[in-house]
């Protein structure tokens, strides 16, 4: 049975898509994917872009997303050498959905703020 013919169901506890969904929708996964959606970035650039994330959490998040095939870690053999993170084609597809979610969220924020303010 090929991977393409496997039915995925995130509502099933043992489905591998659930673990990927957890990585993508984690507190830092969503923000990291969104931060990488416009261009590749180095670790320090990502840390500055995603306000509040610690080095440890950024490292763990990048490793999880890389392990899922959504992020590629590219080592450039320059002097000094540097590492850059870029979305894979699968990562780009997921990041587009994340960006759409963010845009939708921004659209409903006036209503959310009214409810929060008790208006």
PDB file of N, CA and C in Angstrom:
ATOM      1  N   UNK A   1       0.849  -1.179   0.000  1.00  0.00           N
ATOM      2  CA  UNK A   1       0.000   0.000   0.000  1.00  0.00           C
ATOM      3  C   UNK A   1       0.892   1.240   0.000  1.00  0.00           C
ATOM      4  N   UNK A   2       0.690   2.133  -0.943  1.00  0.00           N
ATOM      5  CA  UNK A   2       1.506   3.347  -1.030  1.00  0.00           C
ATOM      6  C   UNK A   2       1.023   4.385  -0.031  1.00  0.00           C
ATOM      7  N   UNK A   3       1.910   5.348   0.279  1.00  0.00           N
ATOM      8  CA  UNK A   3       1.552   6.416   1.219  1.00  0.00           C
ATOM      9  C   UNK A   3       0.337   7.198   0.736  1.00  0.00           C
ATOM     10  N   UNK A   4       0.210   7.389  -0.587  1.00  0.00           N
ATOM     11  CA  UNK A   4      -0.883   8.186  -1.129  1.00  0.00           C
ATOM     12  C   UNK A   4      -2.240   7.538  -0.874  1.00  0.00           C
ATOM     13  N   UNK A   5      -2.279   6.195  -0.741  1.00  0.00           N
ATOM     14  CA  UNK A   5      -3.563   5.523  -0.581  1.00  0.00           C
ATOM     15  C   UNK A   5      -3.969   5.351   0.882  1.00  0.00           C
ATOM     16  N   UNK A   6      -3.111   5.778   1.814  1.00  0.00           N
ATOM     17  CA  UNK A   6      -3.427   5.651   3.237  1.00  0.00           C
ATOM     18  C   UNK A   6      -4.420   6.739   3.627  1.00  0.00           C
ATOM     19  N   UNK A   7      -5.573   6.337   4.166  1.00  0.00           N
ATOM     20  CA  UNK A   7      -6.526   7.360   4.602  1.00  0.00           C
ATOM     21  C   UNK A   7      -6.073   7.950   5.944  1.00  0.00           C
ATOM     22  N   UNK A   8      -5.951   9.250   5.993  1.00  0.00           N
ATOM     23  CA  UNK A   8      -5.544   9.924   7.223  1.00  0.00           C
ATOM     24  C   UNK A   8      -6.777  10.482   7.917  1.00  0.00           C
ATOM     25  N   UNK A   9      -6.770  10.435   9.239  1.00  0.00           N
ATOM     26  CA  UNK A   9      -7.895  10.928  10.022  1.00  0.00           C
ATOM     27  C   UNK A   9      -7.356  11.478  11.345  1.00  0.00           C
ATOM     28  N   UNK A  10      -7.268  12.800  11.464  1.00  0.00           N
ATOM     29  CA  UNK A  10      -6.708  13.417  12.674  1.00  0.00           C
ATOM     30  C   UNK A  10      -7.547  13.138  13.918  1.00  0.00           C
ATOM     31  N   UNK A  11      -8.758  12.653  13.739  1.00  0.00           N
ATOM     32  CA  UNK A  11      -9.607  12.337  14.883  1.00  0.00           C
ATOM     33  C   UNK A  11      -9.297  10.962  15.470  1.00  0.00           C
ATOM     34  N   UNK A  12      -8.462  10.190  14.773  1.00  0.00           N
ATOM     35  CA  UNK A  12      -8.040   8.873  15.248  1.00  0.00           C
ATOM     36  C   UNK A  12      -6.727   9.025  16.000  1.00  0.00           C
ATOM     37  N   UNK A  13      -6.680   8.519  17.220  1.00  0.00           N
ATOM     38  CA  UNK A  13      -5.519   8.726  18.100  1.00  0.00           C
ATOM     39  C   UNK A  13      -4.199   8.284  17.484  1.00  0.00           C
ATOM     40  N   UNK A  14      -4.177   7.201  16.755  1.00  0.00           N
ATOM     41  CA  UNK A  14      -2.922   6.664  16.235  1.00  0.00           C
ATOM     42  C   UNK A  14      -2.561   7.170  14.835  1.00  0.00           C
ATOM     43  N   UNK A  15      -3.364   8.033  14.274  1.00  0.00           N
ATOM     44  CA  UNK A  15      -3.078   8.536  12.931  1.00  0.00           C
ATOM     45  C   UNK A  15      -1.850   9.440  12.969  1.00  0.00           C
ATOM     46  N   UNK A  16      -0.869   9.197  12.087  1.00  0.00           N
ATOM     47  CA  UNK A  16       0.341  10.024  12.098  1.00  0.00           C
ATOM     48  C   UNK A  16       0.074  11.495  11.791  1.00  0.00           C
ATOM     49  N   UNK A  17      -1.034  11.785  11.137  1.00  0.00           N
ATOM     50  CA  UNK A  17      -1.337  13.186  10.836  1.00  0.00           C
ATOM     51  C   UNK A  17      -1.633  13.976  12.104  1.00  0.00           C
ATOM     52  N   UNK A  18      -2.056  13.292  13.168  1.00  0.00           N
ATOM     53  CA  UNK A  18      -2.362  14.003  14.415  1.00  0.00           C
ATOM     54  C   UNK A  18      -1.098  14.606  15.016  1.00  0.00           C
ATOM     55  N   UNK A  19      -0.006  13.863  15.000  1.00  0.00           N
ATOM     56  CA  UNK A  19       1.251  14.382  15.547  1.00  0.00           C
ATOM     57  C   UNK A  19       1.736  15.587  14.740  1.00  0.00           C
ATOM     58  N   UNK A  20       1.610  15.507  13.421  1.00  0.00           N
ATOM     59  CA  UNK A  20       2.006  16.638  12.579  1.00  0.00           C
ATOM     60  C   UNK A  20       1.106  17.833  12.870  1.00  0.00           C
ATOM     61  N   UNK A  21      -0.191  17.591  13.017  1.00  0.00           N
ATOM     62  CA  UNK A  21      -1.121  18.672  13.354  1.00  0.00           C
ATOM     63  C   UNK A  21      -0.731  19.325  14.671  1.00  0.00           C
ATOM     64  N   UNK A  22      -0.317  18.525  15.643  1.00  0.00           N
ATOM     65  CA  UNK A  22       0.124  19.077  16.926  1.00  0.00           C
ATOM     66  C   UNK A  22       1.360  19.952  16.753  1.00  0.00           C
ATOM     67  N   UNK A  23       2.292  19.533  15.913  1.00  0.00           N
ATOM     68  CA  UNK A  23       3.488  20.345  15.668  1.00  0.00           C
ATOM     69  C   UNK A  23       3.120  21.655  14.972  1.00  0.00           C
ATOM     70  N   UNK A  24       2.266  21.553  13.956  1.00  0.00           N
ATOM     71  CA  UNK A  24       1.882  22.735  13.172  1.00  0.00           C
ATOM     72  C   UNK A  24       1.081  23.719  14.013  1.00  0.00           C
ATOM     73  N   UNK A  25       0.151  23.212  14.815  1.00  0.00           N
ATOM     74  CA  UNK A  25      -0.754  24.102  15.547  1.00  0.00           C
ATOM     75  C   UNK A  25      -0.289  24.409  16.963  1.00  0.00           C
ATOM     76  N   UNK A  26       0.912  23.992  17.294  1.00  0.00           N
ATOM     77  CA  UNK A  26       1.442  24.345  18.612  1.00  0.00           C
ATOM     78  C   UNK A  26       1.627  25.860  18.694  1.00  0.00           C
ATOM     79  N   UNK A  27       1.781  26.335  19.908  1.00  0.00           N
ATOM     80  CA  UNK A  27       1.956  27.775  20.131  1.00  0.00           C
ATOM     81  C   UNK A  27       3.021  28.360  19.206  1.00  0.00           C
ATOM     82  N   UNK A  28       4.151  27.678  19.094  1.00  0.00           N
ATOM     83  CA  UNK A  28       5.265  28.213  18.314  1.00  0.00           C
ATOM     84  C   UNK A  28       5.292  27.695  16.882  1.00  0.00           C
ATOM     85  N   UNK A  29       4.655  26.565  16.616  1.00  0.00           N
ATOM     86  CA  UNK A  29       4.639  26.018  15.261  1.00  0.00           C
ATOM     87  C   UNK A  29       3.954  26.943  14.272  1.00  0.00           C
ATOM     88  N   UNK A  30       2.781  27.429  14.649  1.00  0.00           N
ATOM     89  CA  UNK A  30       2.024  28.342  13.784  1.00  0.00           C
ATOM     90  C   UNK A  30       2.845  29.593  13.480  1.00  0.00           C
ATOM     91  N   UNK A  31       3.424  30.173  14.513  1.00  0.00           N
ATOM     92  CA  UNK A  31       4.176  31.419  14.328  1.00  0.00           C
ATOM     93  C   UNK A  31       5.459  31.196  13.531  1.00  0.00           C
ATOM     94  N   UNK A  32       6.111  30.066  13.733  1.00  0.00           N
ATOM     95  CA  UNK A  32       7.336  29.767  12.987  1.00  0.00           C
ATOM     96  C   UNK A  32       7.022  29.561  11.513  1.00  0.00           C
ATOM     97  N   UNK A  33       5.975  28.809  11.215  1.00  0.00           N
ATOM     98  CA  UNK A  33       5.581  28.615   9.820  1.00  0.00           C
ATOM     99  C   UNK A  33       5.204  29.946   9.170  1.00  0.00           C
ATOM    100  N   UNK A  34       4.458  30.766   9.883  1.00  0.00           N
ATOM    101  CA  UNK A  34       4.077  32.073   9.341  1.00  0.00           C
ATOM    102  C   UNK A  34       5.307  32.939   9.106  1.00  0.00           C
ATOM    103  N   UNK A  35       6.258  32.890  10.025  1.00  0.00           N
ATOM    104  CA  UNK A  35       7.475  33.696   9.885  1.00  0.00           C
ATOM    105  C   UNK A  35       8.306  33.253   8.689  1.00  0.00           C
ATOM    106  N   UNK A  36       8.275  31.973   8.373  1.00  0.00           N
ATOM    107  CA  UNK A  36       9.049  31.459   7.238  1.00  0.00           C
ATOM    108  C   UNK A  36       8.287  31.537   5.918  1.00  0.00           C
ATOM    109  N   UNK A  37       7.017  31.914   5.957  1.00  0.00           N
ATOM    110  CA  UNK A  37       6.202  31.875   4.742  1.00  0.00           C
ATOM    111  C   UNK A  37       6.631  32.886   3.689  1.00  0.00           C
ATOM    112  N   UNK A  38       7.244  33.974   4.102  1.00  0.00           N
ATOM    113  CA  UNK A  38       7.626  34.993   3.122  1.00  0.00           C
ATOM    114  C   UNK A  38       9.034  34.802   2.573  1.00  0.00           C
ATOM    115  N   UNK A  39       9.936  34.249   3.407  1.00  0.00           N
ATOM    116  CA  UNK A  39      11.319  34.064   2.954  1.00  0.00           C
ATOM    117  C   UNK A  39      12.076  33.179   3.934  1.00  0.00           C
ATOM    118  N   UNK A  40      13.155  32.555   3.453  1.00  0.00           N
ATOM    119  CA  UNK A  40      14.007  31.784   4.370  1.00  0.00           C
ATOM    120  C   UNK A  40      14.592  32.707   5.433  1.00  0.00           C
ATOM    121  N   UNK A  41      14.970  32.120   6.553  1.00  0.00           N
ATOM    122  CA  UNK A  41      15.523  32.940   7.633  1.00  0.00           C
ATOM    123  C   UNK A  41      16.550  32.144   8.422  1.00  0.00           C
ATOM    124  N   UNK A  42      17.488  32.862   8.988  1.00  0.00           N
ATOM    125  CA  UNK A  42      18.458  32.265   9.891  1.00  0.00           C
ATOM    126  C   UNK A  42      17.827  32.176  11.277  1.00  0.00           C
ATOM    127  N   UNK A  43      18.442  31.392  12.147  1.00  0.00           N
ATOM    128  CA  UNK A  43      17.901  31.153  13.485  1.00  0.00           C
ATOM    129  C   UNK A  43      17.666  32.463  14.236  1.00  0.00           C
ATOM    130  N   UNK A  44      18.668  33.326  14.254  1.00  0.00           N
ATOM    131  CA  UNK A  44      18.548  34.595  14.971  1.00  0.00           C
ATOM    132  C   UNK A  44      17.463  35.485  14.401  1.00  0.00           C
ATOM    133  N   UNK A  45      17.310  35.461  13.075  1.00  0.00           N
ATOM    134  CA  UNK A  45      16.252  36.251  12.441  1.00  0.00           C
ATOM    135  C   UNK A  45      14.876  35.742  12.871  1.00  0.00           C
ATOM    136  N   UNK A  46      14.733  34.423  12.906  1.00  0.00           N
ATOM    137  CA  UNK A  46      13.459  33.844  13.351  1.00  0.00           C
ATOM    138  C   UNK A  46      13.179  34.193  14.800  1.00  0.00           C
ATOM    139  N   UNK A  47      14.193  34.128  15.615  1.00  0.00           N
ATOM    140  CA  UNK A  47      14.020  34.427  17.047  1.00  0.00           C
ATOM    141  C   UNK A  47      13.558  35.875  17.238  1.00  0.00           C
ATOM    142  N   UNK A  48      14.101  36.783  16.441  1.00  0.00           N
ATOM    143  CA  UNK A  48      13.678  38.189  16.540  1.00  0.00           C
ATOM    144  C   UNK A  48      12.272  38.379  15.967  1.00  0.00           C
ATOM    145  N   UNK A  49      11.949  37.653  14.909  1.00  0.00           N
ATOM    146  CA  UNK A  49      10.654  37.800  14.256  1.00  0.00           C
ATOM    147  C   UNK A  49       9.519  37.245  15.118  1.00  0.00           C
ATOM    148  N   UNK A  50       9.770  36.137  15.808  1.00  0.00           N
ATOM    149  CA  UNK A  50       8.747  35.499  16.644  1.00  0.00           C
ATOM    150  C   UNK A  50       8.974  35.954  18.082  1.00  0.00           C
ATOM    151  N   UNK A  51       8.391  37.062  18.417  1.00  0.00           N
ATOM    152  CA  UNK A  51       8.590  37.676  19.730  1.00  0.00           C
ATOM    153  C   UNK A  51       8.166  36.729  20.847  1.00  0.00           C
ATOM    154  N   UNK A  52       9.031  36.584  21.842  1.00  0.00           N
ATOM    155  CA  UNK A  52       8.705  35.791  23.019  1.00  0.00           C
ATOM    156  C   UNK A  52       9.185  34.354  22.992  1.00  0.00           C
ATOM    157  N   UNK A  53       9.639  33.862  21.845  1.00  0.00           N
ATOM    158  CA  UNK A  53      10.091  32.474  21.769  1.00  0.00           C
ATOM    159  C   UNK A  53      11.516  32.364  22.306  1.00  0.00           C
ATOM    160  N   UNK A  54      11.769  31.343  23.093  1.00  0.00           N
ATOM    161  CA  UNK A  54      13.123  31.122  23.612  1.00  0.00           C
ATOM    162  C   UNK A  54      13.942  30.355  22.573  1.00  0.00           C
ATOM    163  N   UNK A  55      15.249  30.388  22.723  1.00  0.00           N
ATOM    164  CA  UNK A  55      16.114  29.628  21.819  1.00  0.00           C
ATOM    165  C   UNK A  55      15.760  28.150  21.867  1.00  0.00           C
ATOM    166  N   UNK A  56      15.524  27.640  23.071  1.00  0.00           N
ATOM    167  CA  UNK A  56      15.199  26.224  23.247  1.00  0.00           C
ATOM    168  C   UNK A  56      13.918  25.853  22.500  1.00  0.00           C
ATOM    169  N   UNK A  57      12.873  26.662  22.650  1.00  0.00           N
ATOM    170  CA  UNK A  57      11.598  26.355  21.998  1.00  0.00           C
ATOM    171  C   UNK A  57      11.689  26.517  20.488  1.00  0.00           C
ATOM    172  N   UNK A  58      12.431  27.514  20.021  1.00  0.00           N
ATOM    173  CA  UNK A  58      12.600  27.677  18.581  1.00  0.00           C
ATOM    174  C   UNK A  58      13.344  26.477  18.016  1.00  0.00           C
ATOM    175  N   UNK A  59      14.388  26.048  18.693  1.00  0.00           N
ATOM    176  CA  UNK A  59      15.154  24.884  18.249  1.00  0.00           C
ATOM    177  C   UNK A  59      14.270  23.637  18.207  1.00  0.00           C
ATOM    178  N   UNK A  60      13.492  23.405  19.256  1.00  0.00           N
ATOM    179  CA  UNK A  60      12.599  22.243  19.296  1.00  0.00           C
ATOM    180  C   UNK A  60      11.544  22.312  18.198  1.00  0.00           C
ATOM    181  N   UNK A  61      10.993  23.496  17.988  1.00  0.00           N
ATOM    182  CA  UNK A  61       9.959  23.673  16.969  1.00  0.00           C
ATOM    183  C   UNK A  61      10.523  23.421  15.583  1.00  0.00           C
ATOM    184  N   UNK A  62      11.688  23.998  15.291  1.00  0.00           N
ATOM    185  CA  UNK A  62      12.311  23.792  13.983  1.00  0.00           C
ATOM    186  C   UNK A  62      12.643  22.321  13.756  1.00  0.00           C
ATOM    187  N   UNK A  63      13.151  21.649  14.775  1.00  0.00           N
ATOM    188  CA  UNK A  63      13.472  20.218  14.644  1.00  0.00           C
ATOM    189  C   UNK A  63      12.213  19.399  14.377  1.00  0.00           C
ATOM    190  N   UNK A  64      11.121  19.707  15.062  1.00  0.00           N
ATOM    191  CA  UNK A  64       9.865  18.978  14.846  1.00  0.00           C
ATOM    192  C   UNK A  64       9.346  19.209  13.431  1.00  0.00           C
ATOM    193  N   UNK A  65       9.343  20.459  12.986  1.00  0.00           N
ATOM    194  CA  UNK A  65       8.850  20.777  11.643  1.00  0.00           C
ATOM    195  C   UNK A  65       9.768  20.204  10.570  1.00  0.00           C
ATOM    196  N   UNK A  66      11.063  20.178  10.845  1.00  0.00           N
ATOM    197  CA  UNK A  66      12.016  19.560   9.920  1.00  0.00           C
ATOM    198  C   UNK A  66      11.775  18.051   9.864  1.00  0.00           C
ATOM    199  N   UNK A  67      11.549  17.435  11.019  1.00  0.00           N
ATOM    200  CA  UNK A  67      11.269  16.000  11.079  1.00  0.00           C
ATOM    201  C   UNK A  67       9.990  15.613  10.359  1.00  0.00           C
ATOM    202  N   UNK A  68       9.061  16.547  10.256  1.00  0.00           N
ATOM    203  CA  UNK A  68       7.804  16.322   9.536  1.00  0.00           C
ATOM    204  C   UNK A  68       7.933  16.634   8.047  1.00  0.00           C
ATOM    205  N   UNK A  69       9.089  17.133   7.628  1.00  0.00           N
ATOM    206  CA  UNK A  69       9.288  17.458   6.223  1.00  0.00           C
ATOM    207  C   UNK A  69       8.690  18.781   5.806  1.00  0.00           C
ATOM    208  N   UNK A  70       8.417  19.661   6.765  1.00  0.00           N
ATOM    209  CA  UNK A  70       7.822  20.960   6.447  1.00  0.00           C
ATOM    210  C   UNK A  70       8.857  22.070   6.359  1.00  0.00           C
ATOM    211  N   UNK A  71       9.984  21.884   7.025  1.00  0.00           N
ATOM    212  CA  UNK A  71      11.067  22.869   7.034  1.00  0.00           C
ATOM    213  C   UNK A  71      12.355  22.163   6.643  1.00  0.00           C
ATOM    214  N   UNK A  72      13.165  22.855   5.869  1.00  0.00           N
ATOM    215  CA  UNK A  72      14.474  22.337   5.470  1.00  0.00           C
ATOM    216  C   UNK A  72      15.548  23.212   6.102  1.00  0.00           C
ATOM    217  N   UNK A  73      16.523  22.571   6.706  1.00  0.00           N
ATOM    218  CA  UNK A  73      17.661  23.270   7.323  1.00  0.00           C
ATOM    219  C   UNK A  73      18.802  23.240   6.317  1.00  0.00           C
ATOM    220  N   UNK A  74      19.189  24.403   5.827  1.00  0.00           N
ATOM    221  CA  UNK A  74      20.236  24.493   4.809  1.00  0.00           C
ATOM    222  C   UNK A  74      21.501  25.096   5.401  1.00  0.00           C
ATOM    223  N   UNK A  75      22.578  24.353   5.282  1.00  0.00           N
ATOM    224  CA  UNK A  75      23.874  24.819   5.768  1.00  0.00           C
ATOM    225  C   UNK A  75      24.630  25.382   4.571  1.00  0.00           C
ATOM    226  N   UNK A  76      25.002  26.654   4.652  1.00  0.00           N
ATOM    227  CA  UNK A  76      25.755  27.306   3.579  1.00  0.00           C
ATOM    228  C   UNK A  76      27.234  27.271   3.932  1.00  0.00           C
ATOM    229  N   UNK A  77      28.027  26.811   2.995  1.00  0.00           N
ATOM    230  CA  UNK A  77      29.471  26.713   3.252  1.00  0.00           C
ATOM    231  C   UNK A  77      30.155  28.024   2.882  1.00  0.00           C
ATOM    232  N   UNK A  78      29.819  29.039   3.634  1.00  0.00           N
ATOM    233  CA  UNK A  78      30.444  30.350   3.475  1.00  0.00           C
ATOM    234  C   UNK A  78      31.361  30.570   4.667  1.00  0.00           C
ATOM    235  N   UNK A  79      32.111  31.618   4.628  1.00  0.00           N
ATOM    236  CA  UNK A  79      32.953  31.976   5.770  1.00  0.00           C
ATOM    237  C   UNK A  79      32.421  33.263   6.372  1.00  0.00           C
ATOM    238  N   UNK A  80      31.944  33.277   7.578  1.00  0.00           N
ATOM    239  CA  UNK A  80      31.720  32.090   8.402  1.00  0.00           C
ATOM    240  C   UNK A  80      30.511  31.312   7.889  1.00  0.00           C
ATOM    241  N   UNK A  81      30.459  30.000   8.154  1.00  0.00           N
ATOM    242  CA  UNK A  81      29.310  29.208   7.701  1.00  0.00           C
ATOM    243  C   UNK A  81      28.035  29.656   8.413  1.00  0.00           C
ATOM    244  N   UNK A  82      26.925  29.543   7.715  1.00  0.00           N
ATOM    245  CA  UNK A  82      25.655  29.856   8.370  1.00  0.00           C
ATOM    246  C   UNK A  82      24.560  28.894   7.934  1.00  0.00           C
ATOM    247  N   UNK A  83      23.548  28.809   8.778  1.00  0.00           N
ATOM    248  CA  UNK A  83      22.414  27.915   8.556  1.00  0.00           C
ATOM    249  C   UNK A  83      21.183  28.770   8.310  1.00  0.00           C
ATOM    250  N   UNK A  84      20.372  28.313   7.380  1.00  0.00           N
ATOM    251  CA  UNK A  84      19.150  29.023   7.028  1.00  0.00           C
ATOM    252  C   UNK A  84      18.008  28.006   7.004  1.00  0.00           C
ATOM    253  N   UNK A  85      16.843  28.440   7.408  1.00  0.00           N
ATOM    254  CA  UNK A  85      15.662  27.579   7.422  1.00  0.00           C
ATOM    255  C   UNK A  85      14.704  28.051   6.337  1.00  0.00           C
ATOM    256  N   UNK A  86      14.177  27.089   5.585  1.00  0.00           N
ATOM    257  CA  UNK A  86      13.288  27.398   4.473  1.00  0.00           C
ATOM    258  C   UNK A  86      12.157  26.371   4.462  1.00  0.00           C
ATOM    259  N   UNK A  87      10.986  26.804   4.043  1.00  0.00           N
ATOM    260  CA  UNK A  87       9.861  25.878   3.937  1.00  0.00           C
ATOM    261  C   UNK A  87      10.052  24.959   2.738  1.00  0.00           C
ATOM    262  N   UNK A  88       9.703  23.701   2.906  1.00  0.00           N
ATOM    263  CA  UNK A  88       9.659  22.761   1.792  1.00  0.00           C
ATOM    264  C   UNK A  88       8.362  23.034   1.025  1.00  0.00           C
ATOM    265  N   UNK A  89       8.159  22.408  -0.130  1.00  0.00           N
ATOM    266  CA  UNK A  89       6.869  22.583  -0.805  1.00  0.00           C
ATOM    267  C   UNK A  89       5.678  22.198   0.088  1.00  0.00           C
ATOM    268  N   UNK A  90       5.813  21.118   0.851  1.00  0.00           N
ATOM    269  CA  UNK A  90       4.733  20.740   1.778  1.00  0.00           C
ATOM    270  C   UNK A  90       4.571  21.800   2.860  1.00  0.00           C
ATOM    271  N   UNK A  91       5.677  22.317   3.359  1.00  0.00           N
ATOM    272  CA  UNK A  91       5.638  23.366   4.372  1.00  0.00           C
ATOM    273  C   UNK A  91       5.000  24.635   3.843  1.00  0.00           C
ATOM    274  N   UNK A  92       5.287  24.951   2.585  1.00  0.00           N
ATOM    275  CA  UNK A  92       4.693  26.144   1.969  1.00  0.00           C
ATOM    276  C   UNK A  92       3.178  25.997   1.881  1.00  0.00           C
ATOM    277  N   UNK A  93       2.726  24.800   1.530  1.00  0.00           N
ATOM    278  CA  UNK A  93       1.285  24.559   1.439  1.00  0.00           C
ATOM    279  C   UNK A  93       0.618  24.724   2.805  1.00  0.00           C
ATOM    280  N   UNK A  94       1.234  24.166   3.834  1.00  0.00           N
ATOM    281  CA  UNK A  94       0.678  24.296   5.184  1.00  0.00           C
ATOM    282  C   UNK A  94       0.753  25.751   5.650  1.00  0.00           C
ATOM    283  N   UNK A  95       1.857  26.431   5.347  1.00  0.00           N
ATOM    284  CA  UNK A  95       2.023  27.830   5.753  1.00  0.00           C
ATOM    285  C   UNK A  95       0.975  28.730   5.096  1.00  0.00           C
ATOM    286  N   UNK A  96       0.574  28.411   3.872  1.00  0.00           N
ATOM    287  CA  UNK A  96      -0.481  29.187   3.216  1.00  0.00           C
ATOM    288  C   UNK A  96      -1.788  29.073   3.999  1.00  0.00           C
ATOM    289  N   UNK A  97      -2.085  27.878   4.490  1.00  0.00           N
ATOM    290  CA  UNK A  97      -3.293  27.695   5.306  1.00  0.00           C
ATOM    291  C   UNK A  97      -3.168  28.446   6.631  1.00  0.00           C
ATOM    292  N   UNK A  98      -1.982  28.440   7.208  1.00  0.00           N
ATOM    293  CA  UNK A  98      -1.733  29.179   8.453  1.00  0.00           C
ATOM    294  C   UNK A  98      -1.929  30.673   8.211  1.00  0.00           C
ATOM    295  N   UNK A  99      -1.391  31.177   7.108  1.00  0.00           N
ATOM    296  CA  UNK A  99      -1.542  32.595   6.773  1.00  0.00           C
ATOM    297  C   UNK A  99      -3.017  32.946   6.581  1.00  0.00           C
ATOM    298  N   UNK A 100      -3.779  32.060   5.928  1.00  0.00           N
ATOM    299  CA  UNK A 100      -5.214  32.305   5.738  1.00  0.00           C
ATOM    300  C   UNK A 100      -5.928  32.361   7.089  1.00  0.00           C
ATOM    301  N   UNK A 101      -5.537  31.498   8.008  1.00  0.00           N
ATOM    302  CA  UNK A 101      -6.108  31.517   9.358  1.00  0.00           C
ATOM    303  C   UNK A 101      -5.802  32.838  10.057  1.00  0.00           C
ATOM    304  N   UNK A 102      -4.572  33.304   9.924  1.00  0.00           N
ATOM    305  CA  UNK A 102      -4.172  34.571  10.547  1.00  0.00           C
ATOM    306  C   UNK A 102      -4.981  35.732   9.968  1.00  0.00           C
ATOM    307  N   UNK A 103      -5.143  35.758   8.650  1.00  0.00           N
ATOM    308  CA  UNK A 103      -5.929  36.814   8.005  1.00  0.00           C
ATOM    309  C   UNK A 103      -7.378  36.760   8.494  1.00  0.00           C
ATOM    310  N   UNK A 104      -7.937  35.557   8.600  1.00  0.00           N
ATOM    311  CA  UNK A 104      -9.306  35.413   9.121  1.00  0.00           C
ATOM    312  C   UNK A 104      -9.407  35.921  10.551  1.00  0.00           C
ATOM    313  N   UNK A 105      -8.413  35.584  11.348  1.00  0.00           N
ATOM    314  CA  UNK A 105      -8.381  36.040  12.738  1.00  0.00           C
ATOM    315  C   UNK A 105      -8.364  37.563  12.811  1.00  0.00           C
ATOM    316  N   UNK A 106      -7.502  38.191  12.001  1.00  0.00           N
ATOM    317  CA  UNK A 106      -7.460  39.655  11.988  1.00  0.00           C
ATOM    318  C   UNK A 106      -8.825  40.232  11.620  1.00  0.00           C
ATOM    319  N   UNK A 107      -9.539  39.556  10.713  1.00  0.00           N
ATOM    320  CA  UNK A 107     -10.851  40.034  10.284  1.00  0.00           C
ATOM    321  C   UNK A 107     -11.907  40.005  11.376  1.00  0.00           C
ATOM    322  N   UNK A 108     -11.805  39.048  12.290  1.00  0.00           N
ATOM    323  CA  UNK A 108     -12.810  38.952  13.359  1.00  0.00           C
ATOM    324  C   UNK A 108     -12.361  39.613  14.654  1.00  0.00           C
ATOM    325  N   UNK A 109     -11.150  40.123  14.704  1.00  0.00           N
ATOM    326  CA  UNK A 109     -10.640  40.718  15.940  1.00  0.00           C
ATOM    327  C   UNK A 109     -11.491  41.869  16.474  1.00  0.00           C
ATOM    328  N   UNK A 110     -12.087  42.733  15.627  1.00  0.00           N
ATOM    329  CA  UNK A 110     -12.967  43.768  16.193  1.00  0.00           C
ATOM    330  C   UNK A 110     -14.123  43.154  16.997  1.00  0.00           C
ATOM    331  N   UNK A 111     -14.724  42.075  16.479  1.00  0.00           N
ATOM    332  CA  UNK A 111     -15.803  41.401  17.214  1.00  0.00           C
ATOM    333  C   UNK A 111     -15.277  40.773  18.495  1.00  0.00           C
ATOM    334  N   UNK A 112     -14.133  40.134  18.418  1.00  0.00           N
ATOM    335  CA  UNK A 112     -13.524  39.513  19.601  1.00  0.00           C
ATOM    336  C   UNK A 112     -13.269  40.569  20.668  1.00  0.00           C
ATOM    337  N   UNK A 113     -12.733  41.701  20.259  1.00  0.00           N
ATOM    338  CA  UNK A 113     -12.415  42.761  21.218  1.00  0.00           C
ATOM    339  C   UNK A 113     -13.680  43.332  21.853  1.00  0.00           C
ATOM    340  N   UNK A 114     -14.765  43.455  21.059  1.00  0.00           N
ATOM    341  CA  UNK A 114     -16.036  43.939  21.613  1.00  0.00           C
ATOM    342  C   UNK A 114     -16.554  42.974  22.679  1.00  0.00           C
ATOM    343  N   UNK A 115     -16.486  41.681  22.398  1.00  0.00           N
ATOM    344  CA  UNK A 115     -16.946  40.673  23.367  1.00  0.00           C
ATOM    345  C   UNK A 115     -16.074  40.712  24.615  1.00  0.00           C
ATOM    346  N   UNK A 116     -14.784  40.803  24.425  1.00  0.00           N
ATOM    347  CA  UNK A 116     -13.868  40.853  25.572  1.00  0.00           C
ATOM    348  C   UNK A 116     -14.098  42.096  26.424  1.00  0.00           C
ATOM    349  N   UNK A 117     -14.440  43.195  25.763  1.00  0.00           N
ATOM    350  CA  UNK A 117     -14.666  44.445  26.488  1.00  0.00           C
ATOM    351  C   UNK A 117     -16.079  44.530  27.062  1.00  0.00           C
ATOM    352  N   UNK A 118     -16.911  43.518  26.764  1.00  0.00           N
ATOM    353  CA  UNK A 118     -18.271  43.491  27.300  1.00  0.00           C
ATOM    354  C   UNK A 118     -19.219  44.441  26.619  1.00  0.00           C
ATOM    355  N   UNK A 119     -18.916  44.837  25.399  1.00  0.00           N
ATOM    356  CA  UNK A 119     -19.767  45.781  24.663  1.00  0.00           C
ATOM    357  C   UNK A 119     -20.826  45.042  23.889  1.00  0.00           C
TER     358      UNK A 119
END
